[in-house]
């Protein structure tokens, strides 16, 4: 699961539908917390193109579109090769941090 919060002053604005549109072609489903807090939660399919999704996520951070965090993920997600530009945004949490989720 990926959680994202659109940057209201960013290029996509505060509308969560713009964030959903960036991930629709990956087959990601999701939901929005509320109009007042447009926190978006995406489910990433097990057969999705993880590297490409990670690149869109990090491009969004670099472009000021959103902030994100990786919630619950599988080893294939964590082991998907990352470009150097992806760090520090795509980093497996430490065991201590992940054991408290």
C-alpha atoms as a PDB file:
ATOM      1  CA  UNK A   1       0.000   0.000   0.000  1.00  0.00           C
ATOM      2  CA  UNK A   2       1.162   3.484  -0.851  1.00  0.00           C
ATOM      3  CA  UNK A   3      -0.175   6.554   0.916  1.00  0.00           C
ATOM      4  CA  UNK A   4       0.158   9.921  -0.740  1.00  0.00           C
ATOM      5  CA  UNK A   5      -0.791  13.465   0.104  1.00  0.00           C
ATOM      6  CA  UNK A   6      -1.073  15.921  -2.795  1.00  0.00           C
ATOM      7  CA  UNK A   7       0.787  19.207  -2.362  1.00  0.00           C
ATOM      8  CA  UNK A   8      -1.986  21.836  -2.572  1.00  0.00           C
ATOM      9  CA  UNK A   9       0.290  24.415  -4.209  1.00  0.00           C
ATOM     10  CA  UNK A  10       1.913  21.847  -6.515  1.00  0.00           C
ATOM     11  CA  UNK A  11       1.328  21.367 -10.255  1.00  0.00           C
ATOM     12  CA  UNK A  12      -1.483  18.848  -9.690  1.00  0.00           C
ATOM     13  CA  UNK A  13      -3.145  20.877  -6.941  1.00  0.00           C
ATOM     14  CA  UNK A  14      -4.946  19.378  -3.956  1.00  0.00           C
ATOM     15  CA  UNK A  15      -7.324  17.226  -6.024  1.00  0.00           C
ATOM     16  CA  UNK A  16      -6.665  13.525  -5.320  1.00  0.00           C
ATOM     17  CA  UNK A  17      -8.164  12.514  -8.678  1.00  0.00           C
ATOM     18  CA  UNK A  18      -5.047  13.916 -10.375  1.00  0.00           C
ATOM     19  CA  UNK A  19      -2.890  11.583  -8.276  1.00  0.00           C
ATOM     20  CA  UNK A  20      -5.189   8.646  -9.078  1.00  0.00           C
ATOM     21  CA  UNK A  21      -4.853   9.422 -12.782  1.00  0.00           C
ATOM     22  CA  UNK A  22      -1.058   9.089 -12.591  1.00  0.00           C
ATOM     23  CA  UNK A  23      -1.410   5.488 -11.392  1.00  0.00           C
ATOM     24  CA  UNK A  24      -4.542   4.285 -13.203  1.00  0.00           C
ATOM     25  CA  UNK A  25      -2.619   2.565 -16.028  1.00  0.00           C
ATOM     26  CA  UNK A  26      -0.789   0.421 -13.435  1.00  0.00           C
ATOM     27  CA  UNK A  27      -4.100  -1.093 -12.316  1.00  0.00           C
ATOM     28  CA  UNK A  28      -3.834   0.508  -8.879  1.00  0.00           C
ATOM     29  CA  UNK A  29      -7.037   0.869  -6.931  1.00  0.00           C
ATOM     30  CA  UNK A  30      -7.379   3.245  -4.053  1.00  0.00           C
ATOM     31  CA  UNK A  31      -9.394   5.545  -1.921  1.00  0.00           C
ATOM     32  CA  UNK A  32      -9.317   9.068  -0.529  1.00  0.00           C
ATOM     33  CA  UNK A  33      -9.676   9.879   3.154  1.00  0.00           C
ATOM     34  CA  UNK A  34     -11.782  13.047   2.712  1.00  0.00           C
ATOM     35  CA  UNK A  35     -12.107  16.263   0.727  1.00  0.00           C
ATOM     36  CA  UNK A  36     -10.641  18.192   3.662  1.00  0.00           C
ATOM     37  CA  UNK A  37      -7.690  15.781   3.925  1.00  0.00           C
ATOM     38  CA  UNK A  38      -7.052  14.357   0.437  1.00  0.00           C
ATOM     39  CA  UNK A  39      -4.830  11.527   1.691  1.00  0.00           C
ATOM     40  CA  UNK A  40      -4.799   8.900  -1.045  1.00  0.00           C
ATOM     41  CA  UNK A  41      -4.209   5.197  -0.379  1.00  0.00           C
ATOM     42  CA  UNK A  42      -3.223   3.005  -3.344  1.00  0.00           C
ATOM     43  CA  UNK A  43      -3.178  -0.747  -3.553  1.00  0.00           C
ATOM     44  CA  UNK A  44      -0.411  -1.924  -5.866  1.00  0.00           C
ATOM     45  CA  UNK A  45      -1.231  -5.171  -7.693  1.00  0.00           C
ATOM     46  CA  UNK A  46       1.202  -8.048  -7.112  1.00  0.00           C
ATOM     47  CA  UNK A  47       1.998  -8.202 -10.838  1.00  0.00           C
ATOM     48  CA  UNK A  48       2.470  -4.445 -11.284  1.00  0.00           C
ATOM     49  CA  UNK A  49       5.603  -2.862 -12.748  1.00  0.00           C
ATOM     50  CA  UNK A  50       7.150  -1.864  -9.429  1.00  0.00           C
ATOM     51  CA  UNK A  51      10.148   0.034 -10.778  1.00  0.00           C
ATOM     52  CA  UNK A  52       7.918   2.204 -12.937  1.00  0.00           C
ATOM     53  CA  UNK A  53       5.549   2.914 -10.062  1.00  0.00           C
ATOM     54  CA  UNK A  54       8.468   3.854  -7.819  1.00  0.00           C
ATOM     55  CA  UNK A  55       9.749   6.181 -10.507  1.00  0.00           C
ATOM     56  CA  UNK A  56       6.371   7.933 -10.792  1.00  0.00           C
ATOM     57  CA  UNK A  57       6.269   8.266  -7.007  1.00  0.00           C
ATOM     58  CA  UNK A  58       9.712   9.823  -6.786  1.00  0.00           C
ATOM     59  CA  UNK A  59       9.138  12.022  -9.835  1.00  0.00           C
ATOM     60  CA  UNK A  60       6.034  13.291  -8.035  1.00  0.00           C
ATOM     61  CA  UNK A  61       8.054  14.193  -4.961  1.00  0.00           C
ATOM     62  CA  UNK A  62      10.728  15.900  -7.073  1.00  0.00           C
ATOM     63  CA  UNK A  63       8.061  17.747  -9.053  1.00  0.00           C
ATOM     64  CA  UNK A  64       6.224  18.954  -5.957  1.00  0.00           C
ATOM     65  CA  UNK A  65       3.105  16.904  -6.758  1.00  0.00           C
ATOM     66  CA  UNK A  66       2.828  14.942  -3.504  1.00  0.00           C
ATOM     67  CA  UNK A  67       4.488  13.411  -0.494  1.00  0.00           C
ATOM     68  CA  UNK A  68       4.237   9.654  -0.053  1.00  0.00           C
ATOM     69  CA  UNK A  69       5.069   6.739   2.165  1.00  0.00           C
ATOM     70  CA  UNK A  70       5.147   3.029   1.578  1.00  0.00           C
ATOM     71  CA  UNK A  71       2.872   1.292   4.029  1.00  0.00           C
ATOM     72  CA  UNK A  72       2.625  -2.435   3.679  1.00  0.00           C
ATOM     73  CA  UNK A  73       4.723  -4.030   0.920  1.00  0.00           C
ATOM     74  CA  UNK A  74       6.097  -7.369  -0.216  1.00  0.00           C
ATOM     75  CA  UNK A  75       9.688  -8.413  -0.803  1.00  0.00           C
ATOM     76  CA  UNK A  76       9.292  -8.107  -4.594  1.00  0.00           C
ATOM     77  CA  UNK A  77       8.330  -4.450  -4.074  1.00  0.00           C
ATOM     78  CA  UNK A  78      11.301  -3.757  -1.807  1.00  0.00           C
ATOM     79  CA  UNK A  79      13.659  -5.690  -4.078  1.00  0.00           C
ATOM     80  CA  UNK A  80      12.603  -3.956  -7.294  1.00  0.00           C
ATOM     81  CA  UNK A  81      15.642  -2.131  -8.631  1.00  0.00           C
ATOM     82  CA  UNK A  82      15.669   1.551  -7.905  1.00  0.00           C
ATOM     83  CA  UNK A  83      17.343   4.337  -9.753  1.00  0.00           C
ATOM     84  CA  UNK A  84      19.726   6.508  -7.744  1.00  0.00           C
ATOM     85  CA  UNK A  85      17.221   9.366  -7.997  1.00  0.00           C
ATOM     86  CA  UNK A  86      14.741   7.296  -5.999  1.00  0.00           C
ATOM     87  CA  UNK A  87      16.674   7.479  -2.746  1.00  0.00           C
ATOM     88  CA  UNK A  88      15.902   8.423   0.002  1.00  0.00           C
ATOM     89  CA  UNK A  89      12.184   8.240  -0.850  1.00  0.00           C
ATOM     90  CA  UNK A  90      12.097   4.519  -1.686  1.00  0.00           C
ATOM     91  CA  UNK A  91      13.877   2.822   1.120  1.00  0.00           C
ATOM     92  CA  UNK A  92      12.887  -0.268   3.033  1.00  0.00           C
ATOM     93  CA  UNK A  93      12.045   0.677   6.629  1.00  0.00           C
ATOM     94  CA  UNK A  94      14.274  -0.678   9.337  1.00  0.00           C
ATOM     95  CA  UNK A  95      13.102  -3.799  11.112  1.00  0.00           C
ATOM     96  CA  UNK A  96      12.317  -1.769  14.223  1.00  0.00           C
ATOM     97  CA  UNK A  97      10.140   0.663  12.287  1.00  0.00           C
ATOM     98  CA  UNK A  98       8.334  -2.022  10.272  1.00  0.00           C
ATOM     99  CA  UNK A  99       7.598  -4.195  13.304  1.00  0.00           C
ATOM    100  CA  UNK A 100       5.470  -1.418  14.795  1.00  0.00           C
ATOM    101  CA  UNK A 101       3.141  -1.006  11.819  1.00  0.00           C
END
